Amino acid sequence: MLHINEYRSIVGNQVIDELYILAEKLKGFSITNVNSTAMGGGVAEILNRMIPLMRNLGLSVFWEVIKGDDVFFDITKKIHNGLHGVEVSITRQEFKHFLEINQKNSEDFKNWADIMYIHDPQPIGLVKKRKQFKNKWIWRCHIDFSKPQRDIWLFLKKFIEKYDASVFSAPAFSRRLSIPQVLVAPSIDPLSDKNKELEQGFIDSVLSRFGIDKDKPIITQVSRFDYLKDPVGVIKAYRLVKKYTDCQLVLAGGGAKDDPEGQKVLKEVMDEAEADKDIFVLLLPSDSNLEINALQRASSVILQKSLKEGFGLTVCEGLWKEKPVIAGAVGGIPLQIAHKYSGILTYTVEGTAYWIKHLLHEPEYAKILGQHGKQHVKNNFLITRHIQDYLLLFLSLFNRDDEVNL
């Protein structure tokens, strides 16, 4: 695992030195992150990279994953979709089961820290235990919260307002709450296997393994097989482009334990792709970071045609690799892309197809978009900035008369 000091060559000495100064003020305090899956999805990916780096800074940081049955994860998927504005129906019995699983996890849970950092709705009910501890609680939402289904929002709000603070990824997700709200954008790790520089020989070998022609333009979307990522819409956009430009489409992704819809969406994607030899639907294991990196670096255009999105880390990944990125103008994506400057924002299948065709025919413009995009990510969305935001948030929980000397 990389050490925090290895990031000095990317972000500079001052940034790393400031992290050490902030961390020193939190010495002696423990921090526990809680989410619903150890693999798959952006939250697990960020925690896997961030926690070792925070430990490098001398902090006592831990990570716990709640347990649940299939019914629980079916319910939490409904909650996820409902918060994104999709019309779903959750019964009283299902809400009851959701709370029972949270209660069971709280009974089995042992790592109660000075700061409990709870990620997303799945473990939100753990906060009921705070009465037993003199500690601080933060609820971190990684979901597009701009138009939540009302009954789900009201159910969650009762728990959110028991926390000391809430954290959202974009200003549009802010809600009317009685507790402080903090904006913290997610980040990528530039030195991870998914984002580090690769030798051309390795990139070529990955393309060869999957039967992808390196001499023909490649359009790629990397994401879970999820309705809200609109993989079928991506195929439709590709087919519009294919009428004018001979190209290939790669849809690469995996699944997550807390996403029970993945297999159903994957089947629909396979059916839509039919027998097109230039569409590559790749269901990759969770540890395929080097392969994903290679696919993105080999691409002519990278897509993230989300219909709803909490943030969309694959946008940052593409921009970091200086690739032209076309993405849905939803959720946290507009924070990453300034339209026609650091990427392209679209709303429809037809608009996505238009810009794919345009960028394939204007490689110099595509190159400029990629250059601007990488600089934007460097300035705003690297893991060192993310850690700094978290350390400042943790410090803000304490008053001057508390144990932390501000």
Protein backbone atom coordinates (compact mmCIF):
# COMPACT_ATOMS: atom_id res chain seq x y z
CA MET A 1 0.00 0.00 0.00
CA LEU A 2 1.25 3.48 -0.86
CA HIS A 3 2.24 5.95 1.86
CA ILE A 4 0.73 9.42 2.08
CA ASN A 5 4.16 10.96 1.47
CA GLU A 6 4.24 9.45 -2.04
CA TYR A 7 1.56 11.96 -3.06
CA ARG A 8 3.93 14.90 -2.57
CA SER A 9 5.11 14.57 -6.17
CA ILE A 10 1.54 15.11 -7.40
CA VAL A 11 0.00 17.67 -5.05
CA GLY A 12 3.09 19.30 -3.53
CA ASN A 13 4.69 19.36 -0.08
CA GLN A 14 2.41 22.03 1.35
CA VAL A 15 -0.74 19.95 0.90
CA ILE A 16 0.75 16.91 2.64
CA ASP A 17 2.30 18.98 5.43
CA GLU A 18 -1.10 20.54 6.15
CA LEU A 19 -2.65 17.07 6.42
CA TYR A 20 -0.11 16.14 9.10
CA ILE A 21 -0.89 19.35 11.00
CA LEU A 22 -4.64 18.69 10.96
CA ALA A 23 -4.21 15.02 11.89
CA GLU A 24 -2.07 15.95 14.87
CA LYS A 25 -5.07 17.79 16.34
CA LEU A 26 -7.12 14.57 16.18
CA LYS A 27 -4.54 12.31 17.84
CA GLY A 28 -6.13 10.17 20.51
CA PHE A 29 -9.54 10.12 18.85
CA SER A 30 -10.93 7.08 17.04
CA ILE A 31 -13.03 7.20 13.85
CA THR A 32 -15.18 4.36 12.54
CA ASN A 33 -16.65 4.33 9.03
CA VAL A 34 -19.70 2.14 8.46
CA ASN A 35 -21.23 1.16 5.11
CA SER A 36 -22.97 -1.80 3.51
CA THR A 37 -20.35 -3.41 1.27
CA ALA A 38 -16.60 -3.95 1.28
CA MET A 39 -16.38 -4.33 -2.50
CA GLY A 40 -18.18 -2.79 -5.46
CA GLY A 41 -19.28 0.81 -5.86
CA GLY A 42 -17.63 4.14 -5.20
CA VAL A 43 -18.01 4.21 -1.40
CA ALA A 44 -16.08 0.98 -0.86
CA GLU A 45 -13.49 2.07 -3.41
CA ILE A 46 -12.88 5.38 -1.65
CA LEU A 47 -12.68 3.80 1.81
CA ASN A 48 -10.27 1.13 0.60
CA ARG A 49 -7.88 3.86 -0.54
CA MET A 50 -8.50 6.52 2.10
CA ILE A 51 -8.34 4.62 5.38
CA PRO A 52 -4.71 3.41 5.01
CA LEU A 53 -3.63 6.95 4.09
CA MET A 54 -5.37 8.39 7.14
CA ARG A 55 -3.60 5.81 9.27
CA ASN A 56 -0.31 7.00 7.75
CA LEU A 57 -1.15 10.37 9.29
CA GLY A 58 -1.29 8.71 12.71
CA LEU A 59 -5.07 8.49 13.03
CA SER A 60 -7.04 5.62 14.56
CA VAL A 61 -9.43 4.97 11.68
CA PHE A 62 -11.56 1.83 11.29
CA TRP A 63 -14.07 0.45 8.80
CA GLU A 64 -17.06 -1.78 9.54
CA VAL A 65 -19.52 -3.32 7.07
CA ILE A 66 -23.06 -4.07 8.20
CA LYS A 67 -24.66 -7.43 7.49
CA GLY A 68 -28.09 -8.02 6.00
CA ASP A 69 -30.23 -10.66 4.31
CA ASP A 70 -31.48 -10.56 0.72
CA VAL A 71 -34.74 -8.93 1.79
CA PHE A 72 -32.82 -6.13 3.50
CA PHE A 73 -30.78 -5.38 0.40
CA ASP A 74 -33.89 -5.50 -1.79
CA ILE A 75 -35.39 -2.86 0.50
CA THR A 76 -32.26 -0.70 0.52
CA LYS A 77 -32.15 -0.83 -3.28
CA LYS A 78 -35.73 0.49 -3.30
CA ILE A 79 -34.67 3.23 -0.91
CA HIS A 80 -31.72 4.06 -3.17
CA ASN A 81 -33.94 4.29 -6.23
CA GLY A 82 -36.61 6.26 -4.37
CA LEU A 83 -34.06 8.82 -3.21
CA HIS A 84 -33.07 9.23 -6.85
CA GLY A 85 -36.68 10.11 -7.65
CA VAL A 86 -37.75 6.74 -9.04
CA GLU A 87 -41.30 5.83 -8.00
CA VAL A 88 -41.11 2.79 -5.70
CA SER A 89 -43.38 1.23 -3.11
CA ILE A 90 -42.07 0.27 0.34
CA THR A 91 -44.49 -1.29 2.80
CA ARG A 92 -44.61 -0.74 6.56
CA GLN A 93 -43.39 -4.30 7.00
CA GLU A 94 -40.39 -3.56 4.79
CA PHE A 95 -39.52 -0.42 6.76
CA LYS A 96 -39.87 -2.51 9.93
CA HIS A 97 -37.52 -5.17 8.55
CA PHE A 98 -35.02 -2.47 7.58
CA LEU A 99 -34.98 -1.21 11.18
CA GLU A 100 -34.76 -4.72 12.62
CA ILE A 101 -31.61 -5.42 10.58
CA ASN A 102 -30.12 -2.12 11.76
CA GLN A 103 -30.98 -3.05 15.34
CA LYS A 104 -29.39 -6.49 14.97
CA ASN A 105 -26.22 -4.93 13.56
CA SER A 106 -26.08 -2.47 16.44
CA GLU A 107 -26.27 -5.36 18.94
CA ASP A 108 -23.40 -7.22 17.25
CA PHE A 109 -21.33 -4.08 16.63
CA LYS A 110 -18.32 -3.57 18.90
CA ASN A 111 -16.20 -0.81 17.37
CA TRP A 112 -17.99 2.28 18.74
CA ALA A 113 -15.55 5.13 18.11
CA ASP A 114 -15.29 8.76 19.21
CA ILE A 115 -16.54 9.71 15.74
CA MET A 116 -19.02 7.44 13.97
CA TYR A 117 -19.10 8.11 10.24
CA ILE A 118 -22.15 6.40 8.70
CA HIS A 119 -22.34 6.11 4.91
CA ASP A 120 -25.69 6.15 3.07
CA PRO A 121 -29.11 4.86 4.15
CA GLN A 122 -28.32 1.18 4.78
CA PRO A 123 -26.75 1.64 8.28
CA ILE A 124 -28.52 4.92 9.14
CA GLY A 125 -30.44 3.35 12.06
CA LEU A 126 -27.26 2.67 14.04
CA VAL A 127 -27.56 6.22 15.35
CA LYS A 128 -30.18 4.99 17.83
CA LYS A 129 -27.23 3.70 19.89
CA ARG A 130 -25.69 7.15 20.34
CA LYS A 131 -27.54 7.63 23.63
CA GLN A 132 -25.19 5.06 25.16
CA PHE A 133 -22.01 6.89 24.10
CA LYS A 134 -20.60 10.38 24.47
CA ASN A 135 -19.42 10.49 20.88
CA LYS A 136 -20.05 12.36 17.61
CA TRP A 137 -22.06 11.07 14.66
CA ILE A 138 -21.93 12.06 10.95
CA TRP A 139 -24.26 10.83 8.22
CA ARG A 140 -22.64 10.84 4.77
CA CYS A 141 -24.95 10.63 1.73
CA HIS A 142 -23.39 9.59 -1.58
CA ILE A 143 -26.75 9.55 -3.41
CA ASP A 144 -28.43 12.09 -5.69
CA PHE A 145 -30.80 13.68 -3.17
CA SER A 146 -32.24 16.40 -5.42
CA LYS A 147 -35.75 14.93 -5.80
CA PRO A 148 -36.30 12.18 -3.23
CA GLN A 149 -39.56 10.31 -2.95
CA ARG A 150 -41.40 12.03 -0.10
CA ASP A 151 -42.29 9.05 2.12
CA ILE A 152 -38.75 7.68 1.97
CA TRP A 153 -37.26 11.08 2.69
CA LEU A 154 -39.52 11.62 5.71
CA PHE A 155 -38.63 8.15 7.03
CA LEU A 156 -34.89 8.82 6.77
CA LYS A 157 -35.10 12.41 8.01
CA LYS A 158 -36.14 11.21 11.47
CA PHE A 159 -32.80 9.44 11.74
CA ILE A 160 -30.64 12.01 9.93
CA GLU A 161 -31.59 14.69 12.43
CA LYS A 162 -30.24 12.55 15.28
CA TYR A 163 -26.73 13.05 13.84
CA ASP A 164 -24.36 15.91 14.61
CA ALA A 165 -23.84 16.72 10.92
CA SER A 166 -24.76 15.54 7.44
CA VAL A 167 -22.53 15.44 4.38
CA PHE A 168 -23.62 15.67 0.72
CA SER A 169 -21.69 15.48 -2.55
CA ALA A 170 -23.26 18.43 -4.39
CA PRO A 171 -25.14 21.63 -3.44
CA ALA A 172 -28.28 20.43 -5.24
CA PHE A 173 -28.63 17.57 -2.73
CA SER A 174 -28.99 19.85 0.30
CA ARG A 175 -32.26 19.39 2.20
CA ARG A 176 -34.05 21.32 4.92
CA LEU A 177 -32.57 19.83 8.09
CA SER A 178 -32.16 20.88 11.70
CA ILE A 179 -28.49 19.81 11.74
CA PRO A 180 -25.46 21.31 9.94
CA GLN A 181 -24.92 20.25 6.32
CA VAL A 182 -21.46 20.01 4.76
CA LEU A 183 -20.45 19.77 1.10
CA VAL A 184 -17.68 17.23 0.45
CA ALA A 185 -17.15 16.01 -3.10
CA PRO A 186 -15.78 12.46 -3.56
CA SER A 187 -12.35 11.87 -5.05
CA ILE A 188 -10.08 9.52 -6.94
CA ASP A 189 -6.68 8.19 -5.96
CA PRO A 190 -4.21 9.11 -8.73
CA LEU A 191 -1.75 6.42 -7.63
CA SER A 192 -4.23 3.54 -7.40
CA ASP A 193 -4.19 0.67 -9.89
CA LYS A 194 -7.26 2.17 -11.52
CA ASN A 195 -5.66 5.55 -12.17
CA LYS A 196 -1.88 5.22 -12.30
CA GLU A 197 0.10 5.41 -15.54
CA LEU A 198 0.31 2.17 -17.55
CA GLU A 199 2.72 0.91 -20.17
CA GLN A 200 1.28 0.73 -23.67
CA GLY A 201 2.18 -2.95 -23.89
CA PHE A 202 -0.09 -3.78 -20.95
CA ILE A 203 -2.93 -1.72 -22.42
CA ASP A 204 -2.60 -3.58 -25.73
CA SER A 205 -2.57 -6.93 -23.93
CA VAL A 206 -5.86 -6.13 -22.18
CA LEU A 207 -7.50 -5.17 -25.47
CA SER A 208 -6.22 -8.38 -27.05
CA ARG A 209 -7.56 -10.47 -24.15
CA PHE A 210 -11.08 -9.12 -24.69
CA GLY A 211 -10.87 -9.19 -28.50
CA ILE A 212 -11.05 -5.39 -28.87
CA ASP A 213 -9.45 -3.86 -31.97
CA LYS A 214 -6.93 -1.22 -30.85
CA ASP A 215 -6.96 0.40 -34.31
CA LYS A 216 -10.69 1.16 -34.32
CA PRO A 217 -12.23 3.96 -32.17
CA ILE A 218 -13.36 2.71 -28.76
CA ILE A 219 -16.28 4.22 -26.81
CA THR A 220 -16.33 3.08 -23.19
CA GLN A 221 -18.64 3.29 -20.22
CA VAL A 222 -17.47 1.82 -16.92
CA SER A 223 -20.17 1.42 -14.27
CA ARG A 224 -22.28 -1.08 -12.38
CA PHE A 225 -25.03 -2.63 -14.46
CA ASP A 226 -27.72 -0.39 -13.05
CA TYR A 227 -30.83 1.15 -14.67
CA LEU A 228 -29.77 4.60 -13.49
CA LYS A 229 -26.48 4.30 -15.43
CA ASP A 230 -28.60 3.77 -18.59
CA PRO A 231 -26.44 1.12 -20.31
CA VAL A 232 -29.22 0.37 -22.80
CA GLY A 233 -29.30 4.08 -23.70
CA VAL A 234 -25.55 3.91 -24.26
CA ILE A 235 -26.05 1.11 -26.78
CA LYS A 236 -28.71 3.14 -28.58
CA ALA A 237 -26.39 6.15 -28.79
CA TYR A 238 -23.58 3.93 -30.12
CA ARG A 239 -25.88 2.57 -32.84
CA LEU A 240 -26.68 6.11 -34.01
CA VAL A 241 -22.96 6.86 -34.25
CA LYS A 242 -22.22 3.54 -35.96
CA LYS A 243 -24.26 4.65 -38.99
CA TYR A 244 -21.58 7.26 -39.73
CA THR A 245 -18.39 6.06 -38.02
CA ASP A 246 -17.03 2.54 -37.65
CA CYS A 247 -16.39 2.20 -33.91
CA GLN A 248 -16.60 -0.17 -30.96
CA LEU A 249 -18.51 0.03 -27.67
CA VAL A 250 -17.25 -1.31 -24.35
CA LEU A 251 -19.64 -1.60 -21.40
CA ALA A 252 -17.50 -2.71 -18.48
CA GLY A 253 -18.52 -3.10 -14.89
CA GLY A 254 -19.26 -5.36 -11.99
CA GLY A 255 -21.75 -5.78 -9.23
CA ALA A 256 -22.05 -5.00 -5.54
CA LYS A 257 -23.44 -7.07 -2.69
CA ASP A 258 -25.99 -4.37 -1.88
CA ASP A 259 -27.31 -4.11 -5.48
CA PRO A 260 -29.66 -7.04 -6.18
CA GLU A 261 -30.84 -5.63 -9.56
CA GLY A 262 -27.48 -6.04 -11.27
CA GLN A 263 -28.08 -9.42 -12.92
CA LYS A 264 -31.43 -8.35 -14.33
CA VAL A 265 -29.93 -5.21 -15.87
CA LEU A 266 -27.00 -7.18 -17.26
CA LYS A 267 -29.38 -9.56 -19.04
CA GLU A 268 -31.25 -6.64 -20.61
CA VAL A 269 -27.95 -5.18 -21.79
CA MET A 270 -26.90 -8.49 -23.32
CA ASP A 271 -30.26 -8.78 -25.08
CA GLU A 272 -29.95 -5.23 -26.44
CA ALA A 273 -26.40 -5.84 -27.65
CA GLU A 274 -27.57 -8.98 -29.50
CA ALA A 275 -24.85 -10.34 -31.74
CA ASP A 276 -23.06 -7.09 -32.56
CA LYS A 277 -19.39 -8.09 -32.72
CA ASP A 278 -18.35 -4.51 -31.94
CA ILE A 279 -20.18 -4.34 -28.59
CA PHE A 280 -18.20 -5.77 -25.67
CA VAL A 281 -20.20 -6.32 -22.48
CA LEU A 282 -17.65 -7.13 -19.79
CA LEU A 283 -18.72 -8.32 -16.34
CA LEU A 284 -15.49 -7.81 -14.42
CA PRO A 285 -14.45 -9.03 -10.95
CA SER A 286 -14.18 -6.36 -8.26
CA ASP A 287 -10.37 -6.44 -8.37
CA SER A 288 -10.13 -5.60 -12.11
CA ASN A 289 -8.73 -2.13 -11.52
CA LEU A 290 -5.79 -2.47 -13.89
CA GLU A 291 -8.08 -3.76 -16.63
CA ILE A 292 -10.48 -0.86 -16.16
CA ASN A 293 -7.56 1.56 -16.22
CA ALA A 294 -6.32 0.03 -19.47
CA LEU A 295 -9.77 0.13 -21.09
CA GLN A 296 -10.20 3.79 -20.19
CA ARG A 297 -6.72 4.71 -21.45
CA ALA A 298 -7.37 2.89 -24.73
CA SER A 299 -10.66 4.71 -25.30
CA SER A 300 -11.30 7.45 -27.82
CA VAL A 301 -14.32 8.70 -25.84
CA ILE A 302 -15.51 7.86 -22.33
CA LEU A 303 -19.19 7.97 -21.40
CA GLN A 304 -21.13 8.17 -18.15
CA LYS A 305 -24.68 8.45 -19.42
CA SER A 306 -26.32 8.43 -16.01
CA LEU A 307 -29.99 9.29 -15.59
CA LYS A 308 -29.36 9.97 -11.89
CA GLU A 309 -26.01 10.14 -10.16
CA GLY A 310 -24.64 10.85 -6.72
CA PHE A 311 -21.30 11.95 -8.10
CA GLY A 312 -19.96 9.54 -10.75
CA LEU A 313 -16.31 8.83 -9.99
CA THR A 314 -15.81 7.29 -13.43
CA VAL A 315 -16.07 10.81 -14.82
CA CYS A 316 -13.08 11.88 -12.75
CA GLU A 317 -11.24 8.72 -13.75
CA GLY A 318 -11.70 9.46 -17.43
CA LEU A 319 -10.75 13.11 -17.06
CA TRP A 320 -7.63 12.20 -15.07
CA LYS A 321 -6.50 10.11 -18.03
CA GLU A 322 -6.95 13.17 -20.31
CA LYS A 323 -9.82 11.56 -22.17
CA PRO A 324 -12.82 13.46 -23.58
CA VAL A 325 -15.74 12.55 -21.34
CA ILE A 326 -19.43 12.79 -22.27
CA ALA A 327 -21.76 12.46 -19.30
CA GLY A 328 -25.32 13.04 -18.20
CA ALA A 329 -25.92 16.49 -16.71
CA VAL A 330 -27.20 15.06 -13.44
CA GLY A 331 -26.20 14.85 -9.79
CA GLY A 332 -22.57 15.69 -9.07
CA ILE A 333 -21.40 15.32 -12.68
CA PRO A 334 -21.69 19.07 -13.52
CA LEU A 335 -19.22 19.73 -10.68
CA GLN A 336 -16.68 17.74 -12.68
CA ILE A 337 -17.47 18.93 -16.20
CA ALA A 338 -17.70 22.47 -17.47
CA HIS A 339 -19.60 21.93 -20.72
CA LYS A 340 -17.42 22.24 -23.83
CA TYR A 341 -14.40 23.12 -21.66
CA SER A 342 -13.48 20.08 -19.54
CA GLY A 343 -15.96 17.66 -21.08
CA ILE A 344 -19.45 17.42 -22.52
CA LEU A 345 -22.79 17.33 -20.68
CA THR A 346 -25.79 15.73 -22.38
CA TYR A 347 -29.44 14.95 -21.64
CA THR A 348 -30.58 12.52 -24.36
CA VAL A 349 -29.52 9.52 -26.41
CA GLU A 350 -29.48 11.70 -29.52
CA GLY A 351 -27.38 14.39 -27.86
CA THR A 352 -24.92 11.80 -26.60
CA ALA A 353 -24.62 10.32 -30.11
CA TYR A 354 -24.09 13.77 -31.64
CA TRP A 355 -21.17 14.54 -29.33
CA ILE A 356 -19.58 11.11 -29.72
CA LYS A 357 -19.57 11.58 -33.47
CA HIS A 358 -18.27 15.15 -33.14
CA LEU A 359 -15.37 14.17 -30.88
CA LEU A 360 -14.38 11.20 -33.01
CA HIS A 361 -14.19 13.53 -36.02
CA GLU A 362 -12.43 16.36 -34.13
CA PRO A 363 -9.53 14.69 -32.27
CA GLU A 364 -7.73 17.98 -31.54
CA TYR A 365 -10.78 19.38 -29.76
CA ALA A 366 -11.17 16.07 -27.93
CA LYS A 367 -7.54 16.35 -26.80
CA ILE A 368 -8.05 19.87 -25.45
CA LEU A 369 -11.12 18.76 -23.48
CA GLY A 370 -9.03 15.97 -21.95
CA GLN A 371 -6.23 18.32 -20.96
CA HIS A 372 -8.62 20.77 -19.30
CA GLY A 373 -10.40 17.89 -17.57
CA LYS A 374 -7.23 16.50 -16.01
CA GLN A 375 -6.25 19.88 -14.61
CA HIS A 376 -9.73 20.33 -13.13
CA VAL A 377 -9.50 16.95 -11.39
CA LYS A 378 -6.02 17.73 -10.09
CA ASN A 379 -7.26 20.99 -8.60
CA ASN A 380 -10.46 19.64 -7.04
CA PHE A 381 -11.01 15.88 -6.90
CA LEU A 382 -7.91 14.06 -5.68
CA ILE A 383 -7.90 11.98 -2.51
CA THR A 384 -5.63 14.38 -0.61
CA ARG A 385 -8.25 17.15 -0.84
CA HIS A 386 -10.90 14.65 0.28
CA ILE A 387 -8.89 13.69 3.37
CA GLN A 388 -8.35 17.35 4.21
CA ASP A 389 -12.10 18.00 4.02
CA TYR A 390 -12.79 15.07 6.34
CA LEU A 391 -10.19 16.14 8.90
CA LEU A 392 -11.63 19.66 8.97
CA LEU A 393 -15.12 18.20 9.37
CA PHE A 394 -14.04 16.01 12.29
CA LEU A 395 -12.40 18.97 14.00
CA SER A 396 -15.52 21.09 13.51
CA LEU A 397 -17.53 18.65 15.63
CA PHE A 398 -15.72 19.73 18.76
CA ASN A 399 -15.99 22.99 20.65
CA ARG A 400 -13.01 24.79 22.08
CA ASP A 401 -13.82 23.51 25.55
CA ASP A 402 -13.65 19.89 24.31
CA GLU A 403 -10.52 17.81 24.29
CA VAL A 404 -9.35 18.79 20.81
CA ASN A 405 -7.10 21.82 20.95
CA LEU A 406 -8.09 23.90 17.91
